[in-house]
Structures are given as structure tokens and as C-alpha cells.
């Protein structure tokens, strides 16, 4: 099911970024930004943007959003926040653009490392999705200001697994490992060859 979440987010982002100058795309992104930090379903005007074509197995069965709906909604609203003011997509697939790796690219001094690590750590310590979305919003604003891209498909998968108790600590560890991983990237956020010549 985690792969289905990732595939759905990938398709929705492609739809949102197919033509960033198109009126529909700009309108959808603006609507999604209003949903940051809110519960899936709380804003009816967002239903079509994140639920349209959602596979039945990912939809909730009762009055509460499913894990998949939470992951998809959170990833898409954060993407919309990140995308604001940028002419090219801020979603960039690749392990070097996972949450922890992207957070590390905000670091240019020892002081910044502690500040960014603390923000990532606070997000990782979240008890529920509402708190996690709120804490991630702070990091996403920093990514946007520093023109740092993020793999939103990977984030959506992480968010899905984070809600499952047996995977929560593993996702927390992944974020920490990625933050401290020595991945060198070029200006486009793509991994560079680290082999010594």
C-alpha cells in the first residue's frame, strides 16, 4: 500500500506542475496551501484535489481519514507551500532529496546544523499527524527560502509508515541517518559521484 501512496502523490504532483503558469495549477496550489496543518476533509474545496482518482483501497472507511489520506494530503499541502514563488518544481525524486538529506542542505555552519537538526528532531518526535504536519511546515518554509528541493513521493511514503506504530521509530531513524549521511549534491539537488579519482 505504501507504494500506491507514493504513486498517487507522484501523479498528483505531475498534474500540479505540468504547467505551473496555468491558471488551474496556480489555483489548485493556492487552495492546497490553505490546507496546511488542517485535517484531511476539513476543507471541502480540497476534496477534488486530493481525493479525485484516489484508489478505493487508500480511502478511509469511516469518519476518520485513512493513513493513506493523511500521508497524501500532508505531502500535497506541504508541496504547495514549498512551491509558492518558484518557477520550477520543488519536487525532485531521488534518495539525495529525502527529508533528512534536504534538511542537511540547509546547513552551512555549525550553528545552523544545530538549529536545523533541532527542527528535524522536533518533527520526528511528533505524536500525531497534525503535530507532524505543523512541525514539517517550519522546515518546508526553510527549504523554500533556501531553494532546497524535496522528494515528495518519498515524504508521502514516510508519512504513511510513520502512522503505523511498528514503523514509526524506523522512519525517525531514517530521517536522522539521512541528515548525517555524507551525500554531496550539485546545485540541482542531484547526487554527485563521491568516488575519489
N, C-alpha and C. Protein backbone atom coordinates (compact mmCIF):
# COMPACT_ATOMS: atom_id res chain seq x y z
N UNK A 1 0.82 -1.20 0.00
CA UNK A 1 0.00 0.00 0.00
C UNK A 1 0.87 1.27 0.00
N UNK A 2 2.05 1.18 0.62
CA UNK A 2 2.93 2.35 0.68
C UNK A 2 3.34 2.80 -0.72
N UNK A 3 3.56 1.85 -1.62
CA UNK A 3 3.93 2.21 -3.00
C UNK A 3 2.77 2.87 -3.72
N UNK A 4 1.54 2.44 -3.43
CA UNK A 4 0.36 3.05 -4.04
C UNK A 4 0.23 4.51 -3.59
N UNK A 5 0.57 4.78 -2.34
CA UNK A 5 0.55 6.16 -1.83
C UNK A 5 1.56 7.00 -2.61
N UNK A 6 2.77 6.48 -2.76
CA UNK A 6 3.81 7.19 -3.50
C UNK A 6 3.43 7.45 -4.95
N UNK A 7 2.86 6.44 -5.59
CA UNK A 7 2.46 6.58 -7.00
C UNK A 7 1.36 7.63 -7.15
N UNK A 8 0.42 7.65 -6.22
CA UNK A 8 -0.67 8.62 -6.30
C UNK A 8 -0.14 10.04 -6.14
N UNK A 9 0.75 10.24 -5.16
CA UNK A 9 1.33 11.57 -4.94
C UNK A 9 2.12 12.00 -6.17
N UNK A 10 2.85 11.07 -6.76
CA UNK A 10 3.62 11.37 -7.97
C UNK A 10 2.71 11.87 -9.10
N UNK A 11 1.59 11.19 -9.29
CA UNK A 11 0.64 11.59 -10.34
C UNK A 11 0.02 12.95 -10.06
N UNK A 12 -0.32 13.21 -8.79
CA UNK A 12 -0.94 14.49 -8.45
C UNK A 12 0.07 15.64 -8.61
N UNK A 13 1.31 15.42 -8.23
CA UNK A 13 2.31 16.47 -8.38
C UNK A 13 2.57 16.73 -9.85
N UNK A 14 2.59 15.67 -10.65
CA UNK A 14 2.76 15.85 -12.10
C UNK A 14 1.63 16.71 -12.65
N UNK A 15 0.41 16.45 -12.19
CA UNK A 15 -0.74 17.25 -12.62
C UNK A 15 -0.59 18.71 -12.17
N UNK A 16 -0.13 18.90 -10.95
CA UNK A 16 0.02 20.26 -10.40
C UNK A 16 1.16 21.04 -11.03
N UNK A 17 2.18 20.34 -11.51
CA UNK A 17 3.36 21.03 -12.04
C UNK A 17 3.50 20.91 -13.55
N UNK A 18 2.55 20.24 -14.19
CA UNK A 18 2.62 20.08 -15.64
C UNK A 18 2.78 21.42 -16.35
N UNK A 19 2.10 22.42 -15.86
CA UNK A 19 2.25 23.78 -16.37
C UNK A 19 2.02 24.73 -15.21
N UNK A 20 3.11 25.09 -14.55
CA UNK A 20 3.00 25.91 -13.34
C UNK A 20 2.42 27.29 -13.60
N UNK A 21 2.41 27.72 -14.85
CA UNK A 21 1.86 29.04 -15.16
C UNK A 21 0.38 28.99 -15.51
N UNK A 22 -0.16 27.78 -15.65
CA UNK A 22 -1.58 27.64 -15.99
C UNK A 22 -2.43 28.07 -14.80
N UNK A 23 -3.55 28.70 -15.10
CA UNK A 23 -4.44 29.19 -14.05
C UNK A 23 -4.93 28.10 -13.13
N UNK A 24 -5.30 26.93 -13.69
CA UNK A 24 -5.80 25.83 -12.85
C UNK A 24 -4.74 25.39 -11.85
N UNK A 25 -3.50 25.19 -12.32
CA UNK A 25 -2.43 24.73 -11.44
C UNK A 25 -2.19 25.74 -10.32
N UNK A 26 -2.13 27.02 -10.67
CA UNK A 26 -1.92 28.05 -9.65
C UNK A 26 -3.05 28.07 -8.64
N UNK A 27 -4.27 27.92 -9.12
CA UNK A 27 -5.44 27.92 -8.24
C UNK A 27 -5.43 26.72 -7.31
N UNK A 28 -5.10 25.54 -7.84
CA UNK A 28 -5.05 24.33 -7.01
C UNK A 28 -3.97 24.45 -5.94
N UNK A 29 -2.81 24.97 -6.33
CA UNK A 29 -1.72 25.13 -5.36
C UNK A 29 -2.11 26.12 -4.26
N UNK A 30 -2.77 27.19 -4.64
CA UNK A 30 -3.22 28.17 -3.64
C UNK A 30 -4.23 27.53 -2.68
N UNK A 31 -5.16 26.74 -3.21
CA UNK A 31 -6.12 26.05 -2.36
C UNK A 31 -5.42 25.07 -1.42
N UNK A 32 -4.48 24.31 -1.95
CA UNK A 32 -3.75 23.35 -1.12
C UNK A 32 -2.98 24.03 0.00
N UNK A 33 -2.42 25.20 -0.28
CA UNK A 33 -1.69 25.93 0.76
C UNK A 33 -2.59 26.26 1.95
N UNK A 34 -3.85 26.53 1.67
CA UNK A 34 -4.80 26.83 2.76
C UNK A 34 -5.05 25.60 3.64
N UNK A 35 -4.74 24.43 3.11
CA UNK A 35 -4.97 23.20 3.86
C UNK A 35 -3.82 22.77 4.75
N UNK A 36 -2.69 23.48 4.69
CA UNK A 36 -1.54 23.10 5.51
C UNK A 36 -1.91 23.15 6.99
N UNK A 37 -1.64 22.06 7.68
CA UNK A 37 -1.90 21.99 9.11
C UNK A 37 -3.33 21.66 9.47
N UNK A 38 -4.18 21.48 8.48
CA UNK A 38 -5.57 21.12 8.74
C UNK A 38 -5.76 19.62 8.51
N UNK A 39 -6.84 19.10 9.00
CA UNK A 39 -7.15 17.68 8.89
C UNK A 39 -7.73 17.38 7.50
N UNK A 40 -7.36 16.27 6.88
CA UNK A 40 -7.96 15.92 5.58
C UNK A 40 -9.49 15.91 5.69
N UNK A 41 -10.14 16.57 4.77
CA UNK A 41 -11.60 16.64 4.77
C UNK A 41 -12.14 17.89 5.43
N UNK A 42 -11.32 18.58 6.19
CA UNK A 42 -11.77 19.78 6.92
C UNK A 42 -12.16 20.90 5.95
N UNK A 43 -11.47 20.98 4.81
CA UNK A 43 -11.78 22.00 3.80
C UNK A 43 -12.38 21.32 2.57
N UNK A 44 -13.70 21.35 2.42
CA UNK A 44 -14.35 20.67 1.30
C UNK A 44 -13.83 21.08 -0.07
N UNK A 45 -13.32 22.33 -0.20
CA UNK A 45 -12.83 22.76 -1.51
C UNK A 45 -11.58 21.99 -1.94
N UNK A 46 -10.97 21.24 -1.03
CA UNK A 46 -9.78 20.45 -1.37
C UNK A 46 -10.10 19.00 -1.71
N UNK A 47 -11.33 18.58 -1.52
CA UNK A 47 -11.67 17.18 -1.77
C UNK A 47 -11.21 16.71 -3.14
N UNK A 48 -11.58 17.45 -4.17
CA UNK A 48 -11.26 17.02 -5.53
C UNK A 48 -9.78 16.98 -5.82
N UNK A 49 -9.03 17.89 -5.22
CA UNK A 49 -7.60 17.97 -5.50
C UNK A 49 -6.86 16.76 -4.94
N UNK A 50 -7.26 16.31 -3.74
CA UNK A 50 -6.50 15.18 -3.19
C UNK A 50 -7.26 13.86 -3.20
N UNK A 51 -8.56 13.88 -3.45
CA UNK A 51 -9.32 12.62 -3.46
C UNK A 51 -9.70 12.13 -4.87
N UNK A 52 -9.70 13.03 -5.85
CA UNK A 52 -10.10 12.63 -7.20
C UNK A 52 -9.15 11.57 -7.73
N UNK A 53 -9.68 10.50 -8.19
CA UNK A 53 -8.96 9.33 -8.72
C UNK A 53 -8.19 8.56 -7.65
N UNK A 54 -8.43 8.85 -6.35
CA UNK A 54 -7.77 8.10 -5.29
C UNK A 54 -8.30 6.67 -5.31
N UNK A 55 -7.42 5.67 -5.39
CA UNK A 55 -7.87 4.28 -5.39
C UNK A 55 -8.68 3.95 -4.13
N UNK A 56 -9.69 3.15 -4.31
CA UNK A 56 -10.60 2.80 -3.22
C UNK A 56 -9.86 2.25 -1.99
N UNK A 57 -8.81 1.45 -2.24
CA UNK A 57 -8.11 0.83 -1.11
C UNK A 57 -7.34 1.84 -0.25
N UNK A 58 -7.16 3.07 -0.76
CA UNK A 58 -6.47 4.10 0.01
C UNK A 58 -7.44 5.00 0.78
N UNK A 59 -8.73 4.90 0.46
CA UNK A 59 -9.73 5.75 1.11
C UNK A 59 -10.11 5.22 2.48
N UNK A 60 -10.42 6.15 3.39
CA UNK A 60 -10.88 5.78 4.72
C UNK A 60 -12.25 5.13 4.64
N UNK A 61 -12.56 4.34 5.64
CA UNK A 61 -13.84 3.62 5.66
C UNK A 61 -14.85 4.24 6.62
N UNK A 62 -14.40 5.09 7.51
CA UNK A 62 -15.31 5.68 8.49
C UNK A 62 -15.24 7.19 8.47
N UNK A 63 -15.36 7.77 9.65
CA UNK A 63 -15.35 9.22 9.77
C UNK A 63 -13.96 9.82 9.88
N UNK A 64 -12.95 8.98 10.02
CA UNK A 64 -11.58 9.46 10.17
C UNK A 64 -10.79 9.19 8.89
N UNK A 65 -9.85 10.08 8.55
CA UNK A 65 -9.02 9.85 7.37
C UNK A 65 -8.18 8.59 7.55
N UNK A 66 -7.97 7.88 6.47
CA UNK A 66 -7.08 6.72 6.49
C UNK A 66 -5.63 7.19 6.61
N UNK A 67 -4.75 6.27 6.92
CA UNK A 67 -3.31 6.61 6.95
C UNK A 67 -2.87 7.14 5.59
N UNK A 68 -3.39 6.53 4.53
CA UNK A 68 -3.03 6.96 3.18
C UNK A 68 -3.52 8.38 2.91
N UNK A 69 -4.76 8.67 3.30
CA UNK A 69 -5.30 10.02 3.08
C UNK A 69 -4.49 11.07 3.85
N UNK A 70 -4.11 10.76 5.08
CA UNK A 70 -3.28 11.68 5.85
C UNK A 70 -1.95 11.93 5.14
N UNK A 71 -1.31 10.86 4.70
CA UNK A 71 0.01 10.97 4.06
C UNK A 71 -0.08 11.77 2.76
N UNK A 72 -1.06 11.47 1.94
CA UNK A 72 -1.22 12.14 0.66
C UNK A 72 -1.56 13.61 0.86
N UNK A 73 -2.52 13.87 1.71
CA UNK A 73 -2.96 15.25 1.98
C UNK A 73 -1.81 16.09 2.54
N UNK A 74 -1.10 15.55 3.50
CA UNK A 74 0.00 16.29 4.12
C UNK A 74 1.11 16.57 3.11
N UNK A 75 1.48 15.55 2.34
CA UNK A 75 2.53 15.74 1.33
C UNK A 75 2.12 16.78 0.29
N UNK A 76 0.89 16.73 -0.18
CA UNK A 76 0.45 17.68 -1.22
C UNK A 76 0.32 19.11 -0.69
N UNK A 77 -0.17 19.26 0.53
CA UNK A 77 -0.30 20.63 1.06
C UNK A 77 1.07 21.23 1.35
N UNK A 78 2.00 20.41 1.85
CA UNK A 78 3.36 20.91 2.08
C UNK A 78 4.06 21.22 0.76
N UNK A 79 3.82 20.39 -0.25
CA UNK A 79 4.39 20.68 -1.56
C UNK A 79 3.89 22.03 -2.07
N UNK A 80 2.60 22.29 -1.92
CA UNK A 80 2.03 23.56 -2.39
C UNK A 80 2.67 24.74 -1.66
N UNK A 81 2.91 24.58 -0.37
CA UNK A 81 3.58 25.63 0.40
C UNK A 81 5.01 25.84 -0.12
N UNK A 82 5.71 24.75 -0.36
CA UNK A 82 7.08 24.78 -0.85
C UNK A 82 7.17 25.41 -2.24
N UNK A 83 6.18 25.12 -3.06
CA UNK A 83 6.19 25.55 -4.46
C UNK A 83 5.94 27.05 -4.63
N UNK A 84 5.31 27.67 -3.66
CA UNK A 84 4.94 29.08 -3.77
C UNK A 84 6.16 29.95 -4.09
N UNK A 85 6.05 30.73 -5.17
CA UNK A 85 7.09 31.65 -5.56
C UNK A 85 8.21 31.03 -6.39
N UNK A 86 8.09 29.77 -6.75
CA UNK A 86 9.13 29.10 -7.54
C UNK A 86 8.61 28.76 -8.93
N UNK A 87 9.43 29.02 -9.94
CA UNK A 87 9.03 28.78 -11.32
C UNK A 87 9.23 27.32 -11.74
N UNK A 88 10.13 26.60 -11.06
CA UNK A 88 10.34 25.19 -11.38
C UNK A 88 9.90 24.35 -10.19
N UNK A 89 9.60 23.09 -10.47
CA UNK A 89 9.07 22.21 -9.42
C UNK A 89 10.05 22.05 -8.27
N UNK A 90 9.53 22.13 -7.05
CA UNK A 90 10.35 21.92 -5.86
C UNK A 90 10.35 20.45 -5.44
N UNK A 91 9.63 19.63 -6.19
CA UNK A 91 9.70 18.17 -6.01
C UNK A 91 10.80 17.64 -6.90
N UNK A 92 11.73 16.90 -6.31
CA UNK A 92 12.81 16.30 -7.09
C UNK A 92 13.05 14.89 -6.56
N UNK A 93 12.71 13.88 -7.37
CA UNK A 93 12.89 12.50 -6.92
C UNK A 93 14.36 12.16 -6.69
N UNK A 94 14.59 11.25 -5.79
CA UNK A 94 15.95 10.76 -5.53
C UNK A 94 16.25 10.69 -4.05
N UNK A 95 17.01 9.66 -3.66
CA UNK A 95 17.32 9.48 -2.23
C UNK A 95 18.07 10.67 -1.66
N UNK A 96 18.80 11.40 -2.52
CA UNK A 96 19.54 12.56 -2.05
C UNK A 96 18.62 13.74 -1.73
N UNK A 97 17.32 13.59 -2.04
CA UNK A 97 16.33 14.63 -1.74
C UNK A 97 15.30 14.16 -0.72
N UNK A 98 15.65 13.10 0.02
CA UNK A 98 14.80 12.66 1.12
C UNK A 98 14.82 13.74 2.20
N UNK A 99 13.89 13.68 3.13
CA UNK A 99 13.71 14.74 4.12
C UNK A 99 15.00 15.09 4.86
N UNK A 100 15.67 14.10 5.42
CA UNK A 100 16.89 14.36 6.19
C UNK A 100 18.00 14.94 5.34
N UNK A 101 18.14 14.43 4.12
CA UNK A 101 19.19 14.94 3.21
C UNK A 101 18.92 16.39 2.82
N UNK A 102 17.67 16.69 2.52
CA UNK A 102 17.32 18.06 2.16
C UNK A 102 17.53 19.00 3.33
N UNK A 103 17.19 18.53 4.54
CA UNK A 103 17.42 19.35 5.73
C UNK A 103 18.91 19.65 5.90
N UNK A 104 19.74 18.67 5.62
CA UNK A 104 21.19 18.86 5.76
C UNK A 104 21.70 19.95 4.80
N UNK A 105 21.04 20.11 3.64
CA UNK A 105 21.48 21.13 2.68
C UNK A 105 21.19 22.55 3.17
N UNK A 106 20.42 22.67 4.24
CA UNK A 106 20.19 23.99 4.84
C UNK A 106 21.37 24.42 5.72
N UNK A 107 22.27 23.48 5.99
CA UNK A 107 23.36 23.71 6.94
C UNK A 107 24.60 24.23 6.24
N UNK A 108 25.07 25.39 6.70
CA UNK A 108 26.29 25.99 6.16
C UNK A 108 27.31 26.29 7.27
N UNK A 109 26.85 26.25 8.53
CA UNK A 109 27.73 26.49 9.68
C UNK A 109 27.34 25.51 10.79
N UNK A 110 28.22 25.38 11.79
CA UNK A 110 27.92 24.51 12.94
C UNK A 110 26.67 24.98 13.67
N UNK A 111 26.51 26.29 13.78
CA UNK A 111 25.33 26.85 14.46
C UNK A 111 24.05 26.49 13.71
N UNK A 112 24.11 26.60 12.39
CA UNK A 112 22.95 26.23 11.58
C UNK A 112 22.65 24.74 11.70
N UNK A 113 23.69 23.92 11.80
CA UNK A 113 23.47 22.47 11.92
C UNK A 113 22.64 22.15 13.15
N UNK A 114 22.97 22.78 14.27
CA UNK A 114 22.23 22.52 15.50
C UNK A 114 20.79 23.01 15.38
N UNK A 115 20.60 24.17 14.78
CA UNK A 115 19.25 24.74 14.62
C UNK A 115 18.38 23.85 13.72
N UNK A 116 18.93 23.42 12.58
CA UNK A 116 18.17 22.59 11.64
C UNK A 116 17.94 21.21 12.23
N UNK A 117 18.96 20.63 12.87
CA UNK A 117 18.80 19.31 13.49
C UNK A 117 17.69 19.35 14.54
N UNK A 118 17.64 20.44 15.31
CA UNK A 118 16.61 20.57 16.34
C UNK A 118 15.21 20.61 15.71
N UNK A 119 15.06 21.30 14.60
CA UNK A 119 13.75 21.37 13.93
C UNK A 119 13.35 20.00 13.37
N UNK A 120 14.31 19.29 12.78
CA UNK A 120 14.03 17.94 12.26
C UNK A 120 13.70 17.00 13.41
N UNK A 121 14.43 17.13 14.50
CA UNK A 121 14.19 16.29 15.67
C UNK A 121 12.81 16.53 16.27
N UNK A 122 12.39 17.79 16.34
CA UNK A 122 11.05 18.11 16.84
C UNK A 122 9.97 17.46 15.97
N UNK A 123 10.18 17.53 14.66
CA UNK A 123 9.21 16.90 13.75
C UNK A 123 9.16 15.40 14.01
N UNK A 124 10.33 14.78 14.15
CA UNK A 124 10.40 13.33 14.36
C UNK A 124 9.74 12.90 15.67
N UNK A 125 9.72 13.78 16.65
CA UNK A 125 9.14 13.46 17.95
C UNK A 125 7.62 13.66 18.00
N UNK A 126 7.03 14.07 16.90
CA UNK A 126 5.58 14.33 16.87
C UNK A 126 4.80 13.09 17.29
N UNK A 127 3.69 13.34 17.98
CA UNK A 127 2.84 12.24 18.45
C UNK A 127 1.73 11.88 17.48
N UNK A 128 1.37 12.79 16.60
CA UNK A 128 0.30 12.51 15.65
C UNK A 128 0.53 13.32 14.37
N UNK A 129 -0.30 13.08 13.38
CA UNK A 129 -0.10 13.69 12.07
C UNK A 129 -0.33 15.21 12.08
N UNK A 130 -1.25 15.68 12.90
CA UNK A 130 -1.47 17.13 12.95
C UNK A 130 -0.22 17.84 13.47
N UNK A 131 0.38 17.29 14.51
CA UNK A 131 1.60 17.87 15.06
C UNK A 131 2.75 17.75 14.06
N UNK A 132 2.86 16.59 13.41
CA UNK A 132 3.94 16.39 12.44
C UNK A 132 3.81 17.36 11.27
N UNK A 133 2.60 17.53 10.75
CA UNK A 133 2.40 18.47 9.64
C UNK A 133 2.79 19.89 10.06
N UNK A 134 2.43 20.27 11.27
CA UNK A 134 2.76 21.60 11.77
C UNK A 134 4.27 21.78 11.86
N UNK A 135 4.96 20.79 12.38
CA UNK A 135 6.42 20.89 12.56
C UNK A 135 7.15 20.83 11.21
N UNK A 136 6.64 20.03 10.28
CA UNK A 136 7.26 19.95 8.95
C UNK A 136 7.10 21.27 8.19
N UNK A 137 6.01 21.97 8.45
CA UNK A 137 5.76 23.25 7.79
C UNK A 137 6.93 24.21 8.02
N UNK A 138 7.50 24.21 9.21
CA UNK A 138 8.65 25.07 9.52
C UNK A 138 9.84 24.73 8.64
N UNK A 139 10.12 23.43 8.49
CA UNK A 139 11.23 23.00 7.64
C UNK A 139 10.97 23.35 6.17
N UNK A 140 9.74 23.13 5.72
CA UNK A 140 9.41 23.39 4.32
C UNK A 140 9.60 24.87 3.99
N UNK A 141 9.25 25.73 4.90
CA UNK A 141 9.47 27.18 4.67
C UNK A 141 10.96 27.48 4.52
N UNK A 142 11.80 26.80 5.31
CA UNK A 142 13.24 26.98 5.19
C UNK A 142 13.74 26.44 3.84
N UNK A 143 13.21 25.28 3.43
CA UNK A 143 13.59 24.73 2.11
C UNK A 143 13.25 25.72 1.01
N UNK A 144 12.06 26.27 1.09
CA UNK A 144 11.60 27.21 0.06
C UNK A 144 12.49 28.44 0.01
N UNK A 145 12.80 29.00 1.17
CA UNK A 145 13.63 30.21 1.24
C UNK A 145 15.04 29.96 0.72
N UNK A 146 15.55 28.73 0.91
CA UNK A 146 16.92 28.40 0.52
C UNK A 146 16.97 27.66 -0.83
N UNK A 147 15.81 27.54 -1.49
CA UNK A 147 15.71 26.88 -2.79
C UNK A 147 16.19 25.42 -2.74
N UNK A 148 15.88 24.74 -1.64
CA UNK A 148 16.23 23.33 -1.46
C UNK A 148 15.03 22.49 -1.86
N UNK A 149 15.25 21.52 -2.72
CA UNK A 149 14.16 20.66 -3.20
C UNK A 149 13.98 19.45 -2.30
N UNK A 150 12.84 18.78 -2.46
CA UNK A 150 12.49 17.64 -1.62
C UNK A 150 11.77 16.60 -2.48
N UNK A 151 12.01 15.34 -2.17
CA UNK A 151 11.31 14.24 -2.84
C UNK A 151 9.99 14.02 -2.10
N UNK A 152 8.91 14.53 -2.67
CA UNK A 152 7.61 14.44 -2.00
C UNK A 152 6.98 13.07 -2.08
N UNK A 153 7.39 12.26 -3.05
CA UNK A 153 6.91 10.87 -3.10
C UNK A 153 7.50 10.11 -1.92
N UNK A 154 8.79 10.29 -1.69
CA UNK A 154 9.45 9.65 -0.55
C UNK A 154 8.84 10.15 0.76
N UNK A 155 8.59 11.47 0.84
CA UNK A 155 7.98 12.01 2.05
C UNK A 155 6.61 11.39 2.30
N UNK A 156 5.79 11.27 1.26
CA UNK A 156 4.46 10.68 1.43
C UNK A 156 4.56 9.25 1.96
N UNK A 157 5.50 8.49 1.44
CA UNK A 157 5.69 7.11 1.93
C UNK A 157 6.10 7.12 3.40
N UNK A 158 7.02 8.02 3.74
CA UNK A 158 7.45 8.14 5.14
C UNK A 158 6.26 8.49 6.04
N UNK A 159 5.44 9.44 5.59
CA UNK A 159 4.29 9.87 6.38
C UNK A 159 3.29 8.73 6.57
N UNK A 160 3.12 7.92 5.55
CA UNK A 160 2.23 6.76 5.64
C UNK A 160 2.74 5.79 6.70
N UNK A 161 4.02 5.45 6.63
CA UNK A 161 4.60 4.48 7.56
C UNK A 161 4.72 5.05 8.98
N UNK A 162 4.95 6.35 9.09
CA UNK A 162 5.09 7.00 10.40
C UNK A 162 3.85 6.75 11.27
N UNK A 163 2.71 6.61 10.65
CA UNK A 163 1.45 6.43 11.39
C UNK A 163 1.26 5.00 11.89
N UNK A 164 2.09 4.09 11.42
CA UNK A 164 1.99 2.69 11.83
C UNK A 164 3.04 2.44 12.91
N UNK A 165 2.59 2.14 14.10
CA UNK A 165 3.47 2.10 15.28
C UNK A 165 4.72 1.26 15.06
N UNK A 166 4.60 0.15 14.34
CA UNK A 166 5.78 -0.71 14.18
C UNK A 166 6.83 -0.11 13.25
N UNK A 167 6.46 0.94 12.49
CA UNK A 167 7.42 1.58 11.58
C UNK A 167 7.86 2.97 12.04
N UNK A 168 7.18 3.55 13.01
CA UNK A 168 7.44 4.94 13.41
C UNK A 168 8.90 5.19 13.74
N UNK A 169 9.46 4.37 14.61
CA UNK A 169 10.85 4.59 15.01
C UNK A 169 11.81 4.37 13.85
N UNK A 170 11.48 3.47 12.94
CA UNK A 170 12.31 3.25 11.75
C UNK A 170 12.34 4.48 10.85
N UNK A 171 11.22 5.15 10.71
CA UNK A 171 11.16 6.37 9.91
C UNK A 171 11.94 7.48 10.61
N UNK A 172 11.80 7.58 11.92
CA UNK A 172 12.59 8.57 12.67
C UNK A 172 14.08 8.33 12.45
N UNK A 173 14.50 7.07 12.53
CA UNK A 173 15.91 6.73 12.32
C UNK A 173 16.35 7.08 10.91
N UNK A 174 15.51 6.79 9.92
CA UNK A 174 15.83 7.12 8.52
C UNK A 174 16.09 8.62 8.37
N UNK A 175 15.24 9.45 8.97
CA UNK A 175 15.42 10.90 8.88
C UNK A 175 16.74 11.33 9.50
N UNK A 176 17.08 10.74 10.65
CA UNK A 176 18.34 11.07 11.29
C UNK A 176 19.54 10.58 10.49
N UNK A 177 19.45 9.35 9.99
CA UNK A 177 20.54 8.81 9.15
C UNK A 177 20.77 9.68 7.93
N UNK A 178 19.68 10.06 7.28
CA UNK A 178 19.80 10.89 6.07
C UNK A 178 20.39 12.26 6.39
N UNK A 179 20.06 12.80 7.55
CA UNK A 179 20.61 14.11 7.94
C UNK A 179 22.13 14.02 8.10
N UNK A 180 22.61 12.91 8.63
CA UNK A 180 24.04 12.78 8.88
C UNK A 180 24.78 12.04 7.76
N UNK A 181 24.04 11.55 6.77
CA UNK A 181 24.66 10.85 5.64
C UNK A 181 25.52 11.83 4.85
N UNK A 182 26.62 11.36 4.34
CA UNK A 182 27.53 12.23 3.58
C UNK A 182 27.22 12.11 2.09
N UNK A 183 26.14 12.76 1.67
CA UNK A 183 25.77 12.77 0.24
C UNK A 183 26.04 14.16 -0.29
N UNK A 184 26.91 14.22 -1.26
CA UNK A 184 27.21 15.51 -1.89
C UNK A 184 26.27 15.66 -3.08
N UNK A 185 25.69 16.86 -3.21
CA UNK A 185 24.78 17.11 -4.32
C UNK A 185 25.24 18.34 -5.08
N UNK A 186 24.82 18.39 -6.34
CA UNK A 186 25.12 19.58 -7.14
C UNK A 186 24.04 20.62 -6.89
N UNK A 187 24.11 21.74 -7.59
CA UNK A 187 23.16 22.84 -7.36
C UNK A 187 21.72 22.47 -7.68
N UNK A 188 21.51 21.41 -8.47
CA UNK A 188 20.16 20.99 -8.81
C UNK A 188 19.61 19.97 -7.85
N UNK A 189 20.37 19.65 -6.79
CA UNK A 189 19.90 18.69 -5.80
C UNK A 189 20.12 17.25 -6.21
N UNK A 190 20.90 17.02 -7.27
CA UNK A 190 21.19 15.66 -7.73
C UNK A 190 22.48 15.18 -7.09
N UNK A 191 22.49 13.88 -6.75
CA UNK A 191 23.68 13.31 -6.11
C UNK A 191 24.86 13.34 -7.07
N UNK A 192 26.02 13.71 -6.52
CA UNK A 192 27.24 13.72 -7.31
C UNK A 192 28.02 12.44 -7.04
N UNK A 193 28.89 12.10 -7.94
CA UNK A 193 29.76 10.95 -7.77
C UNK A 193 30.78 11.26 -6.67
N UNK A 194 30.73 10.50 -5.57
CA UNK A 194 31.61 10.77 -4.43
C UNK A 194 32.90 9.98 -4.47
N UNK A 195 33.08 9.16 -5.49
CA UNK A 195 34.28 8.34 -5.56
C UNK A 195 35.50 9.22 -5.82
N UNK A 196 36.58 8.89 -5.10
CA UNK A 196 37.81 9.63 -5.32
C UNK A 196 38.45 9.17 -6.62
N UNK A 197 38.97 10.10 -7.36
CA UNK A 197 39.59 9.77 -8.65
C UNK A 197 41.05 9.48 -8.45
